[in-house]
């Protein structure tokens, strides 16, 4: 069975720059183009028109809503950060780890990406999950 070339918007991941701007809006709760530009890291120069265009694209994708305020627009995330994190992890597990979540966790442990505090927290989470 062939997959359709037309993925729904829900299936698509955000581009790097879209995620960068969404991360700023998730932190702010809502904001104007100028607010998003102010939230960019020092040395990350994006033109006002570029940020405005990307925010409009995100609105078209349904991950932002907008309201008119004065002469400008206020952008508000409609996609919650936790929902996107879940989607991103599922995407990585499916695409990179062949649908096996434990392979992702094993890689994190084997690569030394987790310190003792992380391992302790992971063990606590495992213990809680096994009691359910």
C-alpha atoms as a PDB file:
ATOM      1  CA  UNK A   1       0.000   0.000   0.000  1.00  0.00           C
ATOM      2  CA  UNK A   2       1.510   3.328  -1.073  1.00  0.00           C
ATOM      3  CA  UNK A   3       1.408   6.306   1.194  1.00  0.00           C
ATOM      4  CA  UNK A   4      -0.203   9.423  -0.197  1.00  0.00           C
ATOM      5  CA  UNK A   5       2.181  12.175  -1.221  1.00  0.00           C
ATOM      6  CA  UNK A   6      -0.144  14.687   0.425  1.00  0.00           C
ATOM      7  CA  UNK A   7       0.544  14.369   4.117  1.00  0.00           C
ATOM      8  CA  UNK A   8      -1.892  16.181   6.324  1.00  0.00           C
ATOM      9  CA  UNK A   9      -0.534  19.221   8.107  1.00  0.00           C
ATOM     10  CA  UNK A  10      -0.783  17.255  11.355  1.00  0.00           C
ATOM     11  CA  UNK A  11       1.774  14.748  10.035  1.00  0.00           C
ATOM     12  CA  UNK A  12       4.364  17.355   9.102  1.00  0.00           C
ATOM     13  CA  UNK A  13       7.126  18.459  11.404  1.00  0.00           C
ATOM     14  CA  UNK A  14       8.013  22.128  11.766  1.00  0.00           C
ATOM     15  CA  UNK A  15      11.080  23.364   9.929  1.00  0.00           C
ATOM     16  CA  UNK A  16      14.055  24.484  12.040  1.00  0.00           C
ATOM     17  CA  UNK A  17      13.204  28.175  11.708  1.00  0.00           C
ATOM     18  CA  UNK A  18       9.482  27.543  12.340  1.00  0.00           C
ATOM     19  CA  UNK A  19      10.377  25.652  15.512  1.00  0.00           C
ATOM     20  CA  UNK A  20      12.729  28.444  16.555  1.00  0.00           C
ATOM     21  CA  UNK A  21       9.946  31.034  16.255  1.00  0.00           C
ATOM     22  CA  UNK A  22       7.357  28.761  17.885  1.00  0.00           C
ATOM     23  CA  UNK A  23       9.701  28.200  20.830  1.00  0.00           C
ATOM     24  CA  UNK A  24       9.839  31.962  21.354  1.00  0.00           C
ATOM     25  CA  UNK A  25       6.042  32.237  21.189  1.00  0.00           C
ATOM     26  CA  UNK A  26       5.592  29.291  23.561  1.00  0.00           C
ATOM     27  CA  UNK A  27       7.791  31.125  26.069  1.00  0.00           C
ATOM     28  CA  UNK A  28       5.975  34.446  25.548  1.00  0.00           C
ATOM     29  CA  UNK A  29       2.472  32.991  25.373  1.00  0.00           C
ATOM     30  CA  UNK A  30       1.709  35.389  22.528  1.00  0.00           C
ATOM     31  CA  UNK A  31       3.494  38.163  20.705  1.00  0.00           C
ATOM     32  CA  UNK A  32       3.970  40.467  17.767  1.00  0.00           C
ATOM     33  CA  UNK A  33       6.566  40.099  15.027  1.00  0.00           C
ATOM     34  CA  UNK A  34       8.738  42.573  16.955  1.00  0.00           C
ATOM     35  CA  UNK A  35       8.368  40.505  20.162  1.00  0.00           C
ATOM     36  CA  UNK A  36       9.503  37.379  18.299  1.00  0.00           C
ATOM     37  CA  UNK A  37      12.484  39.218  16.816  1.00  0.00           C
ATOM     38  CA  UNK A  38      13.400  40.466  20.308  1.00  0.00           C
ATOM     39  CA  UNK A  39      13.305  36.840  21.499  1.00  0.00           C
ATOM     40  CA  UNK A  40      15.870  35.670  18.953  1.00  0.00           C
ATOM     41  CA  UNK A  41      19.309  34.847  20.342  1.00  0.00           C
ATOM     42  CA  UNK A  42      21.977  37.500  20.053  1.00  0.00           C
ATOM     43  CA  UNK A  43      23.582  37.338  16.626  1.00  0.00           C
ATOM     44  CA  UNK A  44      20.566  35.622  15.038  1.00  0.00           C
ATOM     45  CA  UNK A  45      19.475  38.238  12.557  1.00  0.00           C
ATOM     46  CA  UNK A  46      16.218  37.627  10.754  1.00  0.00           C
ATOM     47  CA  UNK A  47      14.533  40.427   8.837  1.00  0.00           C
ATOM     48  CA  UNK A  48      11.162  41.681  10.032  1.00  0.00           C
ATOM     49  CA  UNK A  49       9.596  40.607   6.730  1.00  0.00           C
ATOM     50  CA  UNK A  50      11.069  37.105   7.047  1.00  0.00           C
ATOM     51  CA  UNK A  51       9.707  36.632  10.562  1.00  0.00           C
ATOM     52  CA  UNK A  52       6.339  38.037   9.494  1.00  0.00           C
ATOM     53  CA  UNK A  53       6.181  35.644   6.522  1.00  0.00           C
ATOM     54  CA  UNK A  54       7.093  32.617   8.644  1.00  0.00           C
ATOM     55  CA  UNK A  55       4.485  33.522  11.264  1.00  0.00           C
ATOM     56  CA  UNK A  56       1.827  33.807   8.533  1.00  0.00           C
ATOM     57  CA  UNK A  57       2.882  30.370   7.237  1.00  0.00           C
ATOM     58  CA  UNK A  58       2.527  28.966  10.756  1.00  0.00           C
ATOM     59  CA  UNK A  59      -0.918  30.534  10.947  1.00  0.00           C
ATOM     60  CA  UNK A  60      -1.856  28.866   7.628  1.00  0.00           C
ATOM     61  CA  UNK A  61      -0.594  25.546   9.031  1.00  0.00           C
ATOM     62  CA  UNK A  62      -2.958  26.023  11.958  1.00  0.00           C
ATOM     63  CA  UNK A  63      -0.326  26.151  14.693  1.00  0.00           C
ATOM     64  CA  UNK A  64      -0.860  29.865  15.367  1.00  0.00           C
ATOM     65  CA  UNK A  65      -3.900  32.075  15.511  1.00  0.00           C
ATOM     66  CA  UNK A  66      -3.810  35.818  15.147  1.00  0.00           C
ATOM     67  CA  UNK A  67      -5.781  38.801  16.294  1.00  0.00           C
ATOM     68  CA  UNK A  68      -5.566  42.347  15.045  1.00  0.00           C
ATOM     69  CA  UNK A  69      -4.389  44.882  17.579  1.00  0.00           C
ATOM     70  CA  UNK A  70      -3.905  48.424  16.381  1.00  0.00           C
ATOM     71  CA  UNK A  71      -1.931  48.314  13.160  1.00  0.00           C
ATOM     72  CA  UNK A  72      -0.296  44.984  13.972  1.00  0.00           C
ATOM     73  CA  UNK A  73      -1.124  41.394  14.728  1.00  0.00           C
ATOM     74  CA  UNK A  74      -0.701  39.354  17.888  1.00  0.00           C
ATOM     75  CA  UNK A  75       0.261  35.722  17.250  1.00  0.00           C
ATOM     76  CA  UNK A  76      -0.939  33.070  19.690  1.00  0.00           C
ATOM     77  CA  UNK A  77       0.146  29.406  19.600  1.00  0.00           C
ATOM     78  CA  UNK A  78      -2.733  26.990  19.044  1.00  0.00           C
ATOM     79  CA  UNK A  79      -0.334  24.035  19.112  1.00  0.00           C
ATOM     80  CA  UNK A  80       0.858  23.341  22.646  1.00  0.00           C
ATOM     81  CA  UNK A  81       4.567  22.765  23.199  1.00  0.00           C
ATOM     82  CA  UNK A  82       3.956  19.444  24.960  1.00  0.00           C
ATOM     83  CA  UNK A  83       1.835  18.229  22.042  1.00  0.00           C
ATOM     84  CA  UNK A  84       4.610  19.073  19.610  1.00  0.00           C
ATOM     85  CA  UNK A  85       7.228  17.410  21.837  1.00  0.00           C
ATOM     86  CA  UNK A  86       5.148  14.210  21.844  1.00  0.00           C
ATOM     87  CA  UNK A  87       4.792  14.359  18.073  1.00  0.00           C
ATOM     88  CA  UNK A  88       8.532  15.008  17.581  1.00  0.00           C
ATOM     89  CA  UNK A  89       9.535  12.090  19.807  1.00  0.00           C
ATOM     90  CA  UNK A  90       7.114   9.775  18.004  1.00  0.00           C
ATOM     91  CA  UNK A  91       8.555  10.982  14.701  1.00  0.00           C
ATOM     92  CA  UNK A  92      12.136  10.235  15.805  1.00  0.00           C
ATOM     93  CA  UNK A  93      11.195   6.833  17.235  1.00  0.00           C
ATOM     94  CA  UNK A  94       9.398   5.846  14.027  1.00  0.00           C
ATOM     95  CA  UNK A  95      11.933   7.226  11.553  1.00  0.00           C
ATOM     96  CA  UNK A  96      15.250   6.644  13.311  1.00  0.00           C
ATOM     97  CA  UNK A  97      14.623   3.839  15.810  1.00  0.00           C
ATOM     98  CA  UNK A  98      12.308   1.704  13.655  1.00  0.00           C
ATOM     99  CA  UNK A  99       9.334   2.221  15.965  1.00  0.00           C
ATOM    100  CA  UNK A 100      11.151   0.929  19.045  1.00  0.00           C
ATOM    101  CA  UNK A 101      11.094   3.483  21.889  1.00  0.00           C
ATOM    102  CA  UNK A 102      13.486   1.447  24.046  1.00  0.00           C
ATOM    103  CA  UNK A 103      16.119   1.823  21.314  1.00  0.00           C
ATOM    104  CA  UNK A 104      15.949   5.598  21.798  1.00  0.00           C
ATOM    105  CA  UNK A 105      16.361   5.270  25.562  1.00  0.00           C
ATOM    106  CA  UNK A 106      19.207   2.770  25.120  1.00  0.00           C
ATOM    107  CA  UNK A 107      20.958   5.197  22.774  1.00  0.00           C
ATOM    108  CA  UNK A 108      20.628   8.027  25.300  1.00  0.00           C
ATOM    109  CA  UNK A 109      22.140   5.823  28.011  1.00  0.00           C
ATOM    110  CA  UNK A 110      24.884   4.313  25.819  1.00  0.00           C
ATOM    111  CA  UNK A 111      25.912   7.716  24.433  1.00  0.00           C
ATOM    112  CA  UNK A 112      26.441   9.035  27.944  1.00  0.00           C
ATOM    113  CA  UNK A 113      23.804  11.707  27.356  1.00  0.00           C
ATOM    114  CA  UNK A 114      22.255  11.111  30.771  1.00  0.00           C
ATOM    115  CA  UNK A 115      23.958  12.132  33.997  1.00  0.00           C
ATOM    116  CA  UNK A 116      23.338  10.503  37.397  1.00  0.00           C
ATOM    117  CA  UNK A 117      20.445  12.853  38.179  1.00  0.00           C
ATOM    118  CA  UNK A 118      18.842  12.041  34.810  1.00  0.00           C
ATOM    119  CA  UNK A 119      19.253   8.311  35.441  1.00  0.00           C
ATOM    120  CA  UNK A 120      17.704   8.657  38.901  1.00  0.00           C
ATOM    121  CA  UNK A 121      14.761  10.607  37.450  1.00  0.00           C
ATOM    122  CA  UNK A 122      14.364   8.024  34.690  1.00  0.00           C
ATOM    123  CA  UNK A 123      14.303   5.233  37.294  1.00  0.00           C
ATOM    124  CA  UNK A 124      11.632   7.152  39.256  1.00  0.00           C
ATOM    125  CA  UNK A 125       9.530   7.509  36.091  1.00  0.00           C
ATOM    126  CA  UNK A 126       9.932   3.796  35.325  1.00  0.00           C
ATOM    127  CA  UNK A 127       8.877   2.903  38.858  1.00  0.00           C
ATOM    128  CA  UNK A 128       5.767   5.122  38.601  1.00  0.00           C
ATOM    129  CA  UNK A 129       4.848   3.698  35.195  1.00  0.00           C
ATOM    130  CA  UNK A 130       5.216   0.104  36.371  1.00  0.00           C
ATOM    131  CA  UNK A 131       2.764   0.751  39.234  1.00  0.00           C
ATOM    132  CA  UNK A 132       0.003   1.804  36.820  1.00  0.00           C
END
